[in-house]
Amino acid sequence: MARMPTEPLVVGRVVGDVLDSFNPSVKMTVTYTNNKQVFNGHELFPSAVTTRPRVEIAGADMRSFFTLVMTDPDVPGPSDPYLREHLQWLVTDIPGTTDATFGKELVSYEIPKPNIGIHRFVFVLFKQKRRQCVTPPSSRDHFNTRNFAAENELGLPVAAVYFNAQRETAARRR
């Protein structure tokens, strides 16, 4: 049987904790400086993700607009994420076939700071029905990707990818 493109998201419990099951229809590439591309479930050091990544959208119509959400569902720690979710970044009105720099940054990029355990940092792409239809949430804390999508009529995601990160200790930096 062919692997589902969302299988790593299911295994990593991104589908379930953050998103409902969906069929990806757009290609989203997330790359940090030093060409560190984000792949589902791979670990990146917090020191490697201090600047906002380049998020490219391919396989979409130039007349389409997209909303990018970056969220941490594991706050303060994955064993008891009672503050779930924390909004790290929000960009709207990104034209198809371009990258996030062409969009409107509604919530600025916040450097991931996983203090306890291994956190998942999830990038979710939604297709907008039209331009300027997305309202930023009142707070980064207790963000809910599903509710946000529902409130802004974004429907199911068209793409998603996540990486893991944990606090760097002096020993791990060697």
C-alpha atoms as a PDB file:
ATOM      1  CA  MET A   1       0.000   0.000   0.000  1.00  0.00           C
ATOM      2  CA  ALA A   2       1.260   3.487  -0.840  1.00  0.00           C
ATOM      3  CA  ARG A   3       2.350   5.599   2.101  1.00  0.00           C
ATOM      4  CA  MET A   4       0.093   8.497   2.906  1.00  0.00           C
ATOM      5  CA  PRO A   5       1.863  11.845   2.520  1.00  0.00           C
ATOM      6  CA  THR A   6       0.623  12.808   5.977  1.00  0.00           C
ATOM      7  CA  GLU A   7       1.804   9.601   7.674  1.00  0.00           C
ATOM      8  CA  PRO A   8       4.767  11.267   9.495  1.00  0.00           C
ATOM      9  CA  LEU A   9       2.325  13.886  10.804  1.00  0.00           C
ATOM     10  CA  VAL A  10       0.125  11.112  12.171  1.00  0.00           C
ATOM     11  CA  VAL A  11       3.082   9.282  13.740  1.00  0.00           C
ATOM     12  CA  GLY A  12       4.306  12.541  15.298  1.00  0.00           C
ATOM     13  CA  ARG A  13       0.764  13.167  16.580  1.00  0.00           C
ATOM     14  CA  VAL A  14       0.612  16.522  14.762  1.00  0.00           C
ATOM     15  CA  VAL A  15      -2.549  15.157  13.162  1.00  0.00           C
ATOM     16  CA  GLY A  16      -4.576  14.707  16.318  1.00  0.00           C
ATOM     17  CA  ASP A  17      -2.953  17.242  18.638  1.00  0.00           C
ATOM     18  CA  VAL A  18      -2.933  20.189  16.226  1.00  0.00           C
ATOM     19  CA  LEU A  19      -4.670  19.270  12.977  1.00  0.00           C
ATOM     20  CA  ASP A  20      -7.407  17.084  11.634  1.00  0.00           C
ATOM     21  CA  SER A  21      -6.536  14.615   8.904  1.00  0.00           C
ATOM     22  CA  PHE A  22      -6.093  16.273   5.496  1.00  0.00           C
ATOM     23  CA  ASN A  23      -4.765  15.649   1.993  1.00  0.00           C
ATOM     24  CA  PRO A  24      -1.800  17.879   1.092  1.00  0.00           C
ATOM     25  CA  SER A  25      -2.423  19.668  -2.202  1.00  0.00           C
ATOM     26  CA  VAL A  26       0.423  22.201  -2.238  1.00  0.00           C
ATOM     27  CA  LYS A  27       4.175  21.757  -1.831  1.00  0.00           C
ATOM     28  CA  MET A  28       5.602  23.794   1.039  1.00  0.00           C
ATOM     29  CA  THR A  29       9.349  23.947   1.656  1.00  0.00           C
ATOM     30  CA  VAL A  30      10.647  25.406   4.907  1.00  0.00           C
ATOM     31  CA  THR A  31      14.361  26.237   5.016  1.00  0.00           C
ATOM     32  CA  TYR A  32      16.378  27.926   7.747  1.00  0.00           C
ATOM     33  CA  THR A  33      19.738  29.626   7.184  1.00  0.00           C
ATOM     34  CA  ASN A  34      22.642  27.247   6.401  1.00  0.00           C
ATOM     35  CA  ASN A  35      20.178  25.410   4.112  1.00  0.00           C
ATOM     36  CA  LYS A  36      18.639  23.499   7.000  1.00  0.00           C
ATOM     37  CA  GLN A  37      15.433  22.207   5.469  1.00  0.00           C
ATOM     38  CA  VAL A  38      12.625  21.132   7.765  1.00  0.00           C
ATOM     39  CA  PHE A  39      11.628  17.478   7.425  1.00  0.00           C
ATOM     40  CA  ASN A  40       8.902  15.869   9.520  1.00  0.00           C
ATOM     41  CA  GLY A  41      10.231  14.719  12.863  1.00  0.00           C
ATOM     42  CA  HIS A  42      13.855  15.747  12.283  1.00  0.00           C
ATOM     43  CA  GLU A  43      15.600  17.586  15.085  1.00  0.00           C
ATOM     44  CA  LEU A  44      16.943  21.099  14.721  1.00  0.00           C
ATOM     45  CA  PHE A  45      18.894  22.935  17.404  1.00  0.00           C
ATOM     46  CA  PRO A  46      17.276  26.119  18.753  1.00  0.00           C
ATOM     47  CA  SER A  47      20.502  27.927  17.788  1.00  0.00           C
ATOM     48  CA  ALA A  48      19.812  26.957  14.144  1.00  0.00           C
ATOM     49  CA  VAL A  49      16.291  28.412  14.084  1.00  0.00           C
ATOM     50  CA  THR A  50      16.844  31.900  15.501  1.00  0.00           C
ATOM     51  CA  THR A  51      15.850  33.705  12.304  1.00  0.00           C
ATOM     52  CA  ARG A  52      12.608  33.149  10.479  1.00  0.00           C
ATOM     53  CA  PRO A  53      12.872  30.512   7.755  1.00  0.00           C
ATOM     54  CA  ARG A  54      12.210  30.835   4.049  1.00  0.00           C
ATOM     55  CA  VAL A  55       8.842  29.221   3.361  1.00  0.00           C
ATOM     56  CA  GLU A  56       8.232  28.519  -0.314  1.00  0.00           C
ATOM     57  CA  ILE A  57       4.909  27.517  -1.817  1.00  0.00           C
ATOM     58  CA  ALA A  58       4.872  25.535  -5.050  1.00  0.00           C
ATOM     59  CA  GLY A  59       2.155  23.778  -7.011  1.00  0.00           C
ATOM     60  CA  ALA A  60      -0.334  26.568  -6.368  1.00  0.00           C
ATOM     61  CA  ASP A  61      -2.066  29.142  -8.485  1.00  0.00           C
ATOM     62  CA  MET A  62      -0.612  32.678  -8.401  1.00  0.00           C
ATOM     63  CA  ARG A  63      -4.133  33.995  -7.830  1.00  0.00           C
ATOM     64  CA  SER A  64      -4.441  31.973  -4.617  1.00  0.00           C
ATOM     65  CA  PHE A  65      -3.508  33.362  -1.229  1.00  0.00           C
ATOM     66  CA  PHE A  66      -2.262  31.397   1.748  1.00  0.00           C
ATOM     67  CA  THR A  67      -1.935  31.713   5.499  1.00  0.00           C
ATOM     68  CA  LEU A  68       1.073  30.249   7.293  1.00  0.00           C
ATOM     69  CA  VAL A  69       0.822  29.298  10.957  1.00  0.00           C
ATOM     70  CA  MET A  70       3.790  28.158  13.056  1.00  0.00           C
ATOM     71  CA  THR A  71       2.826  26.729  16.410  1.00  0.00           C
ATOM     72  CA  ASP A  72       4.325  24.863  19.370  1.00  0.00           C
ATOM     73  CA  PRO A  73       1.765  22.396  20.798  1.00  0.00           C
ATOM     74  CA  ASP A  74       4.099  21.239  23.598  1.00  0.00           C
ATOM     75  CA  VAL A  75       4.130  24.208  26.003  1.00  0.00           C
ATOM     76  CA  PRO A  76       5.461  24.169  28.661  1.00  0.00           C
ATOM     77  CA  GLY A  77       6.508  20.524  28.165  1.00  0.00           C
ATOM     78  CA  PRO A  78       5.318  17.579  26.061  1.00  0.00           C
ATOM     79  CA  SER A  79       4.353  15.431  29.064  1.00  0.00           C
ATOM     80  CA  ASP A  80       1.932  18.108  30.347  1.00  0.00           C
ATOM     81  CA  PRO A  81       1.278  20.633  27.559  1.00  0.00           C
ATOM     82  CA  TYR A  82      -1.388  22.526  29.497  1.00  0.00           C
ATOM     83  CA  LEU A  83      -0.568  25.799  27.705  1.00  0.00           C
ATOM     84  CA  ARG A  84      -1.072  24.210  24.263  1.00  0.00           C
ATOM     85  CA  GLU A  85      -0.623  25.799  21.712  1.00  0.00           C
ATOM     86  CA  HIS A  86       1.830  28.707  21.521  1.00  0.00           C
ATOM     87  CA  LEU A  87       1.734  30.721  18.305  1.00  0.00           C
ATOM     88  CA  GLN A  88       5.276  31.267  17.025  1.00  0.00           C
ATOM     89  CA  TRP A  89       4.543  33.022  13.728  1.00  0.00           C
ATOM     90  CA  LEU A  90       1.613  34.048  11.512  1.00  0.00           C
ATOM     91  CA  VAL A  91       1.806  35.256   7.905  1.00  0.00           C
ATOM     92  CA  THR A  92      -1.243  35.840   5.689  1.00  0.00           C
ATOM     93  CA  ASP A  93      -1.968  36.824   2.082  1.00  0.00           C
ATOM     94  CA  ILE A  94       1.002  34.875   0.699  1.00  0.00           C
ATOM     95  CA  PRO A  95       0.529  34.613  -3.080  1.00  0.00           C
ATOM     96  CA  GLY A  96       0.802  31.102  -4.522  1.00  0.00           C
ATOM     97  CA  THR A  97       4.153  30.179  -6.174  1.00  0.00           C
ATOM     98  CA  THR A  98       6.014  32.706  -3.980  1.00  0.00           C
ATOM     99  CA  ASP A  99       7.373  32.610  -0.444  1.00  0.00           C
ATOM    100  CA  ALA A 100       6.307  33.986   2.922  1.00  0.00           C
ATOM    101  CA  THR A 101       8.255  37.236   2.474  1.00  0.00           C
ATOM    102  CA  PHE A 102       5.554  38.258  -0.051  1.00  0.00           C
ATOM    103  CA  GLY A 103       2.850  37.850   2.589  1.00  0.00           C
ATOM    104  CA  LYS A 104       1.728  40.010   5.464  1.00  0.00           C
ATOM    105  CA  GLU A 105       3.321  39.153   8.807  1.00  0.00           C
ATOM    106  CA  LEU A 106       0.507  39.502  11.355  1.00  0.00           C
ATOM    107  CA  VAL A 107       2.429  37.943  14.251  1.00  0.00           C
ATOM    108  CA  SER A 108       6.219  38.270  14.130  1.00  0.00           C
ATOM    109  CA  TYR A 109       8.507  35.234  14.220  1.00  0.00           C
ATOM    110  CA  GLU A 110       9.373  34.165  17.740  1.00  0.00           C
ATOM    111  CA  ILE A 111      12.506  32.113  18.337  1.00  0.00           C
ATOM    112  CA  PRO A 112      11.598  28.603  19.549  1.00  0.00           C
ATOM    113  CA  LYS A 113      12.547  28.219  23.230  1.00  0.00           C
ATOM    114  CA  PRO A 114      11.822  24.645  24.289  1.00  0.00           C
ATOM    115  CA  ASN A 115      12.599  24.531  28.014  1.00  0.00           C
ATOM    116  CA  ILE A 116      11.317  21.112  29.061  1.00  0.00           C
ATOM    117  CA  GLY A 117      11.594  18.035  26.859  1.00  0.00           C
ATOM    118  CA  ILE A 118      11.349  17.759  23.082  1.00  0.00           C
ATOM    119  CA  HIS A 119       8.920  20.183  21.474  1.00  0.00           C
ATOM    120  CA  ARG A 120       7.309  19.931  18.058  1.00  0.00           C
ATOM    121  CA  PHE A 121       7.272  23.099  15.981  1.00  0.00           C
ATOM    122  CA  VAL A 122       4.594  22.838  13.332  1.00  0.00           C
ATOM    123  CA  PHE A 123       4.243  24.846  10.120  1.00  0.00           C
ATOM    124  CA  VAL A 124       0.726  24.715   8.704  1.00  0.00           C
ATOM    125  CA  LEU A 125      -0.377  26.208   5.402  1.00  0.00           C
ATOM    126  CA  PHE A 126      -4.002  27.102   4.696  1.00  0.00           C
ATOM    127  CA  LYS A 127      -5.546  28.345   1.476  1.00  0.00           C
ATOM    128  CA  GLN A 128      -7.540  31.546   1.938  1.00  0.00           C
ATOM    129  CA  LYS A 129     -10.881  32.104   0.253  1.00  0.00           C
ATOM    130  CA  ARG A 130      -9.814  35.665  -0.558  1.00  0.00           C
ATOM    131  CA  ARG A 131      -7.262  38.297   0.434  1.00  0.00           C
ATOM    132  CA  GLN A 132      -7.273  40.068   3.789  1.00  0.00           C
ATOM    133  CA  CYS A 133      -9.791  37.713   5.362  1.00  0.00           C
ATOM    134  CA  VAL A 134      -7.637  36.598   8.294  1.00  0.00           C
ATOM    135  CA  THR A 135      -7.766  38.200  11.730  1.00  0.00           C
ATOM    136  CA  PRO A 136      -4.802  37.696  14.063  1.00  0.00           C
ATOM    137  CA  PRO A 137      -5.542  36.069  17.424  1.00  0.00           C
ATOM    138  CA  SER A 138      -5.612  38.234  20.554  1.00  0.00           C
ATOM    139  CA  SER A 139      -2.696  36.321  22.089  1.00  0.00           C
ATOM    140  CA  ARG A 140       0.108  33.908  21.183  1.00  0.00           C
ATOM    141  CA  ASP A 141      -0.771  31.808  24.237  1.00  0.00           C
ATOM    142  CA  HIS A 142      -3.464  29.115  24.267  1.00  0.00           C
ATOM    143  CA  PHE A 143      -3.626  29.376  20.467  1.00  0.00           C
ATOM    144  CA  ASN A 144      -5.670  26.711  18.719  1.00  0.00           C
ATOM    145  CA  THR A 145      -4.904  26.029  15.065  1.00  0.00           C
ATOM    146  CA  ARG A 146      -8.241  24.262  14.449  1.00  0.00           C
ATOM    147  CA  ASN A 147     -10.292  27.091  16.000  1.00  0.00           C
ATOM    148  CA  PHE A 148      -8.228  29.716  14.207  1.00  0.00           C
ATOM    149  CA  ALA A 149      -8.855  27.969  10.872  1.00  0.00           C
ATOM    150  CA  ALA A 150     -12.587  27.718  11.617  1.00  0.00           C
ATOM    151  CA  GLU A 151     -12.907  31.361  12.718  1.00  0.00           C
ATOM    152  CA  ASN A 152     -11.178  32.551   9.538  1.00  0.00           C
ATOM    153  CA  GLU A 153     -12.939  30.075   7.203  1.00  0.00           C
ATOM    154  CA  LEU A 154      -9.644  28.510   6.154  1.00  0.00           C
ATOM    155  CA  GLY A 155     -10.848  24.915   6.013  1.00  0.00           C
ATOM    156  CA  LEU A 156      -8.391  22.036   6.237  1.00  0.00           C
ATOM    157  CA  PRO A 157      -4.648  22.627   5.732  1.00  0.00           C
ATOM    158  CA  VAL A 158      -3.122  22.240   2.266  1.00  0.00           C
ATOM    159  CA  ALA A 159       0.364  21.480   3.646  1.00  0.00           C
ATOM    160  CA  ALA A 160       2.130  20.942   6.963  1.00  0.00           C
ATOM    161  CA  VAL A 161       5.596  20.024   8.213  1.00  0.00           C
ATOM    162  CA  TYR A 162       7.172  19.942  11.661  1.00  0.00           C
ATOM    163  CA  PHE A 163      10.527  19.661  13.366  1.00  0.00           C
ATOM    164  CA  ASN A 164      11.562  18.709  16.881  1.00  0.00           C
ATOM    165  CA  ALA A 165      13.744  20.827  19.139  1.00  0.00           C
ATOM    166  CA  GLN A 166      14.916  20.634  22.710  1.00  0.00           C
ATOM    167  CA  ARG A 167      16.929  22.908  24.933  1.00  0.00           C
ATOM    168  CA  GLU A 168      20.599  22.907  24.073  1.00  0.00           C
ATOM    169  CA  THR A 169      22.980  22.130  26.881  1.00  0.00           C
ATOM    170  CA  ALA A 170      26.682  22.872  26.782  1.00  0.00           C
ATOM    171  CA  ALA A 171      27.342  19.145  26.351  1.00  0.00           C
ATOM    172  CA  ARG A 172      25.031  18.851  23.345  1.00  0.00           C
ATOM    173  CA  ARG A 173      26.588  21.799  21.504  1.00  0.00           C
ATOM    174  CA  ARG A 174      29.981  20.137  21.126  1.00  0.00           C
END
